[in-house]
Amino acid sequence: MEPIRQAVERAKASGAAPPEPQGRPMSYRQVSPPGLGNTRPDHPLHIKEVQLDRQHLESCRLIAHNAADPRASSFDMLRTQVLQSMDQRNWQFLAVTSPTAGCGKTVTSINLALSIARQSERAVLLVDLDLHRPQVASCLGIKCQNGLLSVLDGRAGLPDAMVQARIDNYQFLVLPTEGPILGSSELLASRAMSSLLQTIKRDFKSYTIILDMPPMLTGDDVIAMLPQMDCVLLVAAVGTSTLSELKQCSKHLQSAEVVRVVLNKTPDTTVGYG
C-alpha cells in the first residue's frame, strides 16, 4: 500500500486535486441512502450528501438533470438503450472510455448518470477511474479530500470516500478520485482494486455502476480493467477521433461487450417536438 500512499501525497502536494467550484458553496450533510447494502446492519453506512449547483453543472455541459432541456433527450435515449442492454444480461458495471482525450467521455459519463438518476426506480453509482486525469469531482463541483485512492491505501472506508450528489429532486452516488497518479495501470490491476470492485458489486447490487475510464489509446489502463467490466460504452468525437484510432480500439475491444458507440460533438440539427 505504500506506493499508493506516496502517489496520493504527491498528487495533493502538486495541487492536482480538483479546484473548488465557483459561485454558491456546496452544502453537506450525512445521509443513509436507500437501497444501500450494509455489511453490518447494526452500523448503517452514512454517506455525505452534496447539493449540486445548477449553474456550475451547466458551465461544464452537464444538463441531463433537466428534462425540460432539449439537449437532455440525447442522453435519455442513450440511457434507455444502455439500460435495456444491461438488464437483458444482468450486467452491472459499465466502463465509459474514448480513443483519445478530448472526446467528452467524462461529460457523457456524468450526463448518463444524471439521466438515470431521474428514473425513480433506478439507482446509479458513478466512479472516477481515470487516474491519469480525474475530472468527475471538478465537473460536479465536489470537494474531494478522501476518494478512491484513500480507500485503496486504507486511509478511508468506502462510505467515507463517497458522496451522494443531489440536484433538484434527483440523487446519485459518486466515488471521486483525489488527483492523478503515476503507475495507474498497476494500481488498476492490483488486488486492492479487485477487492474494491467486488465490494461495490456486493454492497450495491441494485445499482448501475458507471466507471469513467481513461482514454483507451493513452495507456494500458482500460485493457487492464476490461476483464472486470461487464460492458463498454465507447465515446468518439467528430473532428477529434480518426478512423485509424477507432480501428485500434476495435482490436482491443474484441473480447469485450460494447453496448454502444457514441459519436460526440456532432452539429446540432435537432428540431424540437411539442
Protein backbone atom coordinates (compact mmCIF):
# COMPACT_ATOMS: atom_id res chain seq x y z
CA MET A 1 0.00 0.00 0.00
CA GLU A 2 2.96 2.38 0.46
CA PRO A 3 3.35 3.26 -3.26
CA ILE A 4 -0.34 4.18 -3.37
CA ARG A 5 0.02 6.35 -0.27
CA GLN A 6 3.04 8.11 -1.76
CA ALA A 7 1.19 8.71 -5.02
CA VAL A 8 -1.73 10.28 -3.15
CA GLU A 9 0.60 12.57 -1.21
CA ARG A 10 2.37 13.63 -4.43
CA ALA A 11 -0.97 14.44 -6.02
CA LYS A 12 -2.01 16.57 -3.06
CA ALA A 13 1.38 18.31 -2.85
CA SER A 14 1.29 19.19 -6.54
CA GLY A 15 -2.13 20.78 -6.19
CA ALA A 16 -3.67 18.26 -8.53
CA ALA A 17 -6.87 17.97 -6.55
CA PRO A 18 -9.95 19.29 -8.37
CA PRO A 19 -10.48 23.05 -7.98
CA GLU A 20 -13.27 24.28 -5.78
CA PRO A 21 -16.32 25.35 -7.76
CA GLN A 22 -17.14 29.00 -8.29
CA GLY A 23 -20.42 30.50 -7.17
CA ARG A 24 -22.74 29.17 -4.49
CA PRO A 25 -20.94 26.94 -1.94
CA MET A 26 -21.94 23.30 -1.69
CA SER A 27 -23.98 22.15 1.29
CA TYR A 28 -23.07 18.92 3.05
CA ARG A 29 -24.90 16.58 5.43
CA GLN A 30 -24.73 12.93 6.40
CA VAL A 31 -27.30 10.58 4.88
CA SER A 32 -28.05 6.89 4.63
CA PRO A 33 -29.16 6.34 1.02
CA PRO A 34 -31.98 3.85 0.48
CA GLY A 35 -31.11 0.50 -1.02
CA LEU A 36 -27.52 0.56 0.21
CA GLY A 37 -26.42 -2.86 1.35
CA ASN A 38 -24.82 -2.92 4.80
CA THR A 39 -22.19 -5.41 5.82
CA ARG A 40 -23.04 -4.62 9.45
CA PRO A 41 -26.75 -3.90 9.88
CA ASP A 42 -26.19 -2.55 13.41
CA HIS A 43 -23.83 0.11 11.95
CA PRO A 44 -25.61 1.67 8.92
CA LEU A 45 -23.45 3.39 6.35
CA HIS A 46 -23.62 7.20 6.38
CA ILE A 47 -22.59 8.97 3.19
CA LYS A 48 -22.04 12.68 2.82
CA GLU A 49 -24.67 14.48 0.75
CA VAL A 50 -23.81 17.39 -1.56
CA GLN A 51 -26.31 19.75 -3.13
CA LEU A 52 -25.00 20.43 -6.63
CA ASP A 53 -25.01 23.89 -8.16
CA ARG A 54 -27.09 24.14 -11.34
CA GLN A 55 -25.01 26.97 -12.85
CA HIS A 56 -21.78 25.08 -12.26
CA LEU A 57 -23.18 21.94 -13.87
CA GLU A 58 -24.35 23.78 -16.96
CA SER A 59 -21.00 25.57 -17.28
CA CYS A 60 -19.48 22.07 -17.60
CA ARG A 61 -22.11 21.00 -20.19
CA LEU A 62 -23.93 18.83 -17.64
CA ILE A 63 -27.60 19.19 -18.48
CA ALA A 64 -29.26 15.75 -18.21
CA HIS A 65 -30.75 16.55 -14.79
CA ASN A 66 -33.18 18.91 -16.54
CA ALA A 67 -35.80 17.04 -18.55
CA ALA A 68 -37.00 20.36 -19.99
CA ASP A 69 -33.65 20.97 -21.69
CA PRO A 70 -33.87 19.69 -25.30
CA ARG A 71 -30.23 18.57 -25.11
CA ALA A 72 -31.13 16.08 -22.37
CA SER A 73 -33.15 13.95 -24.79
CA SER A 74 -29.98 12.55 -26.39
CA PHE A 75 -28.77 11.28 -23.02
CA ASP A 76 -32.24 9.94 -22.18
CA MET A 77 -32.17 7.96 -25.43
CA LEU A 78 -28.69 6.65 -24.59
CA ARG A 79 -29.85 5.82 -21.05
CA THR A 80 -32.75 3.71 -22.30
CA GLN A 81 -30.66 1.83 -24.86
CA VAL A 82 -27.83 1.12 -22.42
CA LEU A 83 -30.08 0.03 -19.55
CA GLN A 84 -32.11 -2.26 -21.79
CA SER A 85 -28.92 -3.98 -22.97
CA MET A 86 -27.58 -4.28 -19.42
CA ASP A 87 -30.86 -5.54 -17.97
CA GLN A 88 -31.10 -8.31 -20.56
CA ARG A 89 -27.75 -9.72 -19.45
CA ASN A 90 -27.97 -8.80 -15.77
CA TRP A 91 -24.91 -6.57 -16.17
CA GLN A 92 -23.89 -4.05 -13.53
CA PHE A 93 -20.52 -2.47 -14.50
CA LEU A 94 -20.43 -0.08 -17.47
CA ALA A 95 -16.99 1.23 -18.46
CA VAL A 96 -17.01 4.52 -20.40
CA THR A 97 -13.91 5.26 -22.46
CA SER A 98 -12.78 7.00 -25.65
CA PRO A 99 -9.97 6.57 -28.18
CA THR A 100 -8.09 9.68 -27.03
CA ALA A 101 -8.56 12.72 -24.82
CA GLY A 102 -10.99 15.46 -25.81
CA CYS A 103 -13.87 13.21 -26.89
CA GLY A 104 -16.17 14.11 -23.99
CA LYS A 105 -16.25 10.76 -22.18
CA THR A 106 -16.44 12.30 -18.69
CA VAL A 107 -19.24 14.66 -19.71
CA THR A 108 -21.04 11.69 -21.26
CA SER A 109 -20.50 9.57 -18.10
CA ILE A 110 -21.91 12.23 -15.78
CA ASN A 111 -24.84 13.15 -18.04
CA LEU A 112 -25.72 9.47 -18.33
CA ALA A 113 -25.66 9.16 -14.51
CA LEU A 114 -27.84 12.28 -14.20
CA SER A 115 -30.32 10.87 -16.71
CA ILE A 116 -30.53 7.52 -14.91
CA ALA A 117 -30.99 9.32 -11.59
CA ARG A 118 -34.20 10.88 -12.93
CA GLN A 119 -35.78 7.42 -13.04
CA SER A 120 -37.25 6.87 -9.59
CA GLU A 121 -36.84 3.08 -9.65
CA ARG A 122 -33.18 3.22 -10.68
CA ALA A 123 -30.04 3.77 -8.59
CA VAL A 124 -26.69 4.74 -10.06
CA LEU A 125 -23.11 4.99 -8.77
CA LEU A 126 -20.53 6.97 -10.77
CA VAL A 127 -16.87 6.00 -10.16
CA ASP A 128 -13.93 8.08 -11.42
CA LEU A 129 -11.34 5.57 -12.62
CA ASP A 130 -9.44 7.96 -14.89
CA LEU A 131 -6.36 8.02 -12.70
CA HIS A 132 -4.39 9.96 -15.34
CA ARG A 133 -6.78 12.91 -15.29
CA PRO A 134 -9.70 12.55 -12.87
CA GLN A 135 -12.32 15.21 -13.59
CA VAL A 136 -15.60 13.94 -12.15
CA ALA A 137 -15.25 15.87 -8.87
CA SER A 138 -14.33 19.17 -10.52
CA CYS A 139 -17.11 18.85 -13.12
CA LEU A 140 -19.68 18.27 -10.39
CA GLY A 141 -18.21 20.93 -8.10
CA ILE A 142 -17.44 18.41 -5.36
CA LYS A 143 -14.58 18.81 -2.89
CA CYS A 144 -12.57 15.60 -2.83
CA GLN A 145 -10.45 15.24 0.30
CA ASN A 146 -10.92 11.48 0.54
CA GLY A 147 -11.66 9.47 -2.57
CA LEU A 148 -10.83 6.30 -4.43
CA LEU A 149 -7.10 6.46 -3.68
CA SER A 150 -7.73 6.87 0.05
CA VAL A 151 -9.91 3.76 0.03
CA LEU A 152 -7.29 1.72 -1.84
CA ASP A 153 -4.48 2.59 0.56
CA GLY A 154 -6.66 2.00 3.63
CA ARG A 155 -6.82 5.59 4.89
CA ALA A 156 -10.60 5.83 4.42
CA GLY A 157 -13.54 3.46 4.29
CA LEU A 158 -15.69 3.31 1.18
CA PRO A 159 -18.62 5.25 2.73
CA ASP A 160 -16.21 8.00 3.87
CA ALA A 161 -14.97 8.49 0.30
CA MET A 162 -18.38 8.50 -1.37
CA VAL A 163 -20.73 11.40 -1.95
CA GLN A 164 -24.46 11.41 -2.54
CA ALA A 165 -24.92 14.15 -5.14
CA ARG A 166 -28.32 15.82 -5.26
CA ILE A 167 -29.80 18.16 -7.86
CA ASP A 168 -33.47 19.16 -7.67
CA ASN A 169 -35.32 16.00 -6.54
CA TYR A 170 -32.78 13.58 -8.00
CA GLN A 171 -29.74 11.96 -6.43
CA PHE A 172 -26.93 9.58 -7.32
CA LEU A 173 -23.78 8.27 -5.66
CA VAL A 174 -20.27 9.34 -6.65
CA LEU A 175 -16.87 7.83 -5.81
CA PRO A 176 -14.41 10.54 -6.93
CA THR A 177 -10.62 10.35 -7.23
CA GLU A 178 -8.41 12.90 -5.49
CA GLY A 179 -5.85 13.54 -8.23
CA PRO A 180 -3.71 11.98 -10.96
CA ILE A 181 -1.08 9.39 -10.09
CA LEU A 182 1.79 7.60 -11.81
CA GLY A 183 1.64 3.84 -12.26
CA SER A 184 -2.12 3.89 -12.70
CA SER A 185 -2.33 0.67 -14.73
CA GLU A 186 -0.50 -1.25 -11.98
CA LEU A 187 -2.95 0.14 -9.43
CA LEU A 188 -5.96 -0.75 -11.56
CA ALA A 189 -4.67 -4.32 -11.90
CA SER A 190 -3.89 -4.63 -8.17
CA ARG A 191 -5.58 -6.89 -5.62
CA ALA A 192 -6.76 -3.78 -3.76
CA MET A 193 -8.69 -2.59 -6.81
CA SER A 194 -10.14 -6.04 -7.47
CA SER A 195 -11.27 -6.24 -3.84
CA LEU A 196 -12.85 -2.77 -4.04
CA LEU A 197 -14.81 -3.69 -7.16
CA GLN A 198 -16.02 -6.91 -5.52
CA THR A 199 -17.18 -4.90 -2.50
CA ILE A 200 -19.05 -2.45 -4.74
CA LYS A 201 -20.67 -5.31 -6.64
CA ARG A 202 -21.74 -6.93 -3.36
CA ASP A 203 -22.97 -3.85 -1.49
CA PHE A 204 -24.59 -2.04 -4.43
CA LYS A 205 -26.41 -4.89 -6.13
CA SER A 206 -29.35 -2.75 -7.20
CA TYR A 207 -27.14 -0.01 -8.66
CA THR A 208 -25.94 0.61 -12.19
CA ILE A 209 -22.21 1.29 -11.81
CA ILE A 210 -20.74 3.74 -14.34
CA LEU A 211 -16.94 3.82 -14.40
CA ASP A 212 -15.33 6.80 -16.11
CA MET A 213 -12.14 5.26 -17.54
CA PRO A 214 -9.07 6.87 -19.17
CA PRO A 215 -8.86 7.12 -22.97
CA MET A 216 -8.13 3.69 -24.41
CA LEU A 217 -5.11 4.58 -26.56
CA THR A 218 -3.18 6.61 -23.97
CA GLY A 219 -2.03 3.58 -21.97
CA ASP A 220 -2.98 0.08 -20.87
CA ASP A 221 -5.33 1.12 -18.03
CA VAL A 222 -8.54 0.21 -19.86
CA ILE A 223 -7.12 -3.07 -21.15
CA ALA A 224 -6.11 -3.98 -17.59
CA MET A 225 -9.67 -3.38 -16.34
CA LEU A 226 -11.69 -4.93 -19.19
CA PRO A 227 -11.86 -8.45 -17.63
CA GLN A 228 -13.66 -6.95 -14.62
CA MET A 229 -16.14 -4.88 -16.66
CA ASP A 230 -19.49 -6.18 -17.88
CA CYS A 231 -19.71 -3.88 -20.88
CA VAL A 232 -18.19 -0.83 -22.54
CA LEU A 233 -19.51 2.46 -23.90
CA LEU A 234 -17.07 3.99 -26.41
CA VAL A 235 -17.24 7.77 -26.93
CA ALA A 236 -15.74 9.15 -30.15
CA ALA A 237 -15.84 12.75 -31.36
CA VAL A 238 -16.21 14.43 -34.73
CA GLY A 239 -13.02 16.28 -35.60
CA THR A 240 -11.08 14.52 -32.85
CA SER A 241 -11.33 10.76 -33.38
CA THR A 242 -9.85 9.25 -36.53
CA LEU A 243 -10.81 6.08 -38.36
CA SER A 244 -7.40 4.62 -37.53
CA GLU A 245 -7.98 5.23 -33.80
CA LEU A 246 -11.41 3.61 -33.93
CA LYS A 247 -9.91 0.55 -35.63
CA GLN A 248 -7.26 0.29 -32.89
CA CYS A 249 -9.96 0.48 -30.22
CA SER A 250 -11.95 -2.19 -32.02
CA LYS A 251 -9.00 -4.56 -31.83
CA HIS A 252 -8.63 -4.00 -28.09
CA LEU A 253 -12.36 -4.48 -27.56
CA GLN A 254 -12.73 -7.74 -29.49
CA SER A 255 -13.22 -9.73 -26.29
CA ALA A 256 -15.40 -7.06 -24.62
CA GLU A 257 -19.12 -6.39 -24.82
CA VAL A 258 -19.59 -2.96 -26.42
CA VAL A 259 -23.15 -1.78 -25.72
CA ARG A 260 -22.95 1.47 -27.69
CA VAL A 261 -20.59 3.74 -29.62
CA VAL A 262 -21.41 7.43 -29.09
CA LEU A 263 -20.40 9.97 -31.74
CA ASN A 264 -19.92 13.20 -29.82
CA LYS A 265 -19.59 16.84 -30.92
CA THR A 266 -21.84 16.46 -33.96
CA PRO A 267 -23.58 19.56 -35.39
CA ASP A 268 -26.85 20.21 -33.55
CA THR A 269 -29.66 19.68 -36.05
CA THR A 270 -32.31 18.69 -33.50
CA VAL A 271 -35.79 20.05 -34.14
CA GLY A 272 -37.92 20.40 -31.03
CA TYR A 273 -41.19 18.46 -30.72
CA GLY A 274 -44.15 19.51 -28.63
